[in-house]
Amino acid sequence: MNAPPSDAVRLLRAFALRAWTLALLVGIAGDALLTIVFALAGVGLLLAPAETVAGCRQGPLDEVLPPSRRTP
């Protein structure tokens, strides 16, 4: 049985869909370079590994703070 997608995966998919929508709108407007940029950004967001995004939960001060104050 497949597990439901994590929040990070759903967020990346939403941003990819927005980038493709912008690519479509900019393509209709006639700017080819921006169309390619938005389309490639959408593909990159869709193919980005969600484990990397989900693994970035450690805050920048976790090495300095005592264990009781660290982010979970």
Protein backbone atom coordinates (compact mmCIF):
# COMPACT_ATOMS: atom_id res chain seq x y z
CA MET A 1 0.00 0.00 0.00
CA ASN A 2 1.37 3.42 -0.91
CA ALA A 3 1.82 6.06 1.75
CA PRO A 4 0.19 9.45 1.14
CA PRO A 5 2.58 12.09 -0.21
CA SER A 6 4.26 14.30 2.35
CA ASP A 7 3.61 18.01 2.68
CA ALA A 8 6.89 18.75 0.93
CA VAL A 9 5.89 16.68 -2.10
CA ARG A 10 2.50 18.35 -2.33
CA LEU A 11 4.10 21.79 -2.04
CA LEU A 12 6.63 21.02 -4.78
CA ARG A 13 3.84 19.77 -7.05
CA ALA A 14 1.81 22.93 -6.42
CA PHE A 15 4.78 25.15 -7.28
CA ALA A 16 5.50 23.07 -10.40
CA LEU A 17 1.91 23.51 -11.54
CA ARG A 18 2.15 27.26 -10.96
CA ALA A 19 5.40 27.46 -12.93
CA TRP A 20 3.83 25.56 -15.84
CA THR A 21 0.80 27.84 -15.74
CA LEU A 22 3.08 30.86 -15.92
CA ALA A 23 4.96 29.22 -18.79
CA LEU A 24 1.70 28.76 -20.65
CA LEU A 25 0.59 32.35 -20.07
CA VAL A 26 3.99 33.80 -20.99
CA GLY A 27 4.10 31.55 -24.06
CA ILE A 28 0.75 32.92 -25.21
CA ALA A 29 2.09 36.43 -24.66
CA GLY A 30 4.99 35.60 -26.96
CA ASP A 31 8.14 35.69 -24.81
CA ALA A 32 10.00 32.50 -25.65
CA LEU A 33 12.88 32.88 -23.18
CA LEU A 34 10.63 33.30 -20.13
CA THR A 35 8.47 30.41 -21.35
CA ILE A 36 11.50 28.12 -21.38
CA VAL A 37 12.64 29.37 -17.96
CA PHE A 38 9.25 28.75 -16.33
CA ALA A 39 8.83 25.38 -18.03
CA LEU A 40 12.25 24.20 -16.87
CA ALA A 41 11.56 25.49 -13.36
CA GLY A 42 8.34 23.46 -13.31
CA VAL A 43 10.13 20.31 -14.42
CA GLY A 44 12.85 20.89 -11.85
CA LEU A 45 10.33 21.33 -9.06
CA LEU A 46 8.47 18.21 -10.11
CA LEU A 47 11.64 16.10 -10.21
CA ALA A 48 13.21 17.55 -7.04
CA PRO A 49 13.83 14.83 -4.45
CA ALA A 50 11.33 15.32 -1.63
CA GLU A 51 13.61 13.58 0.87
CA THR A 52 16.08 16.44 0.53
CA VAL A 53 13.37 19.00 1.16
CA ALA A 54 11.88 17.07 4.08
CA GLY A 55 15.34 16.52 5.60
CA CYS A 56 15.99 20.26 5.93
CA ARG A 57 14.10 20.58 9.19
CA GLN A 58 17.20 21.22 11.24
CA GLY A 59 17.40 24.91 12.07
CA PRO A 60 20.56 27.00 11.71
CA LEU A 61 21.00 27.37 15.48
CA ASP A 62 20.50 23.72 16.44
CA GLU A 63 24.24 23.25 16.96
CA VAL A 64 24.34 26.15 19.43
CA LEU A 65 21.09 25.69 21.34
CA PRO A 66 20.72 23.22 24.20
CA PRO A 67 18.77 20.02 23.35
CA SER A 68 15.63 21.23 25.12
CA ARG A 69 15.36 24.29 22.81
CA ARG A 70 16.09 22.56 19.49
CA THR A 71 13.48 22.12 16.76
CA PRO A 72 11.92 18.64 16.60
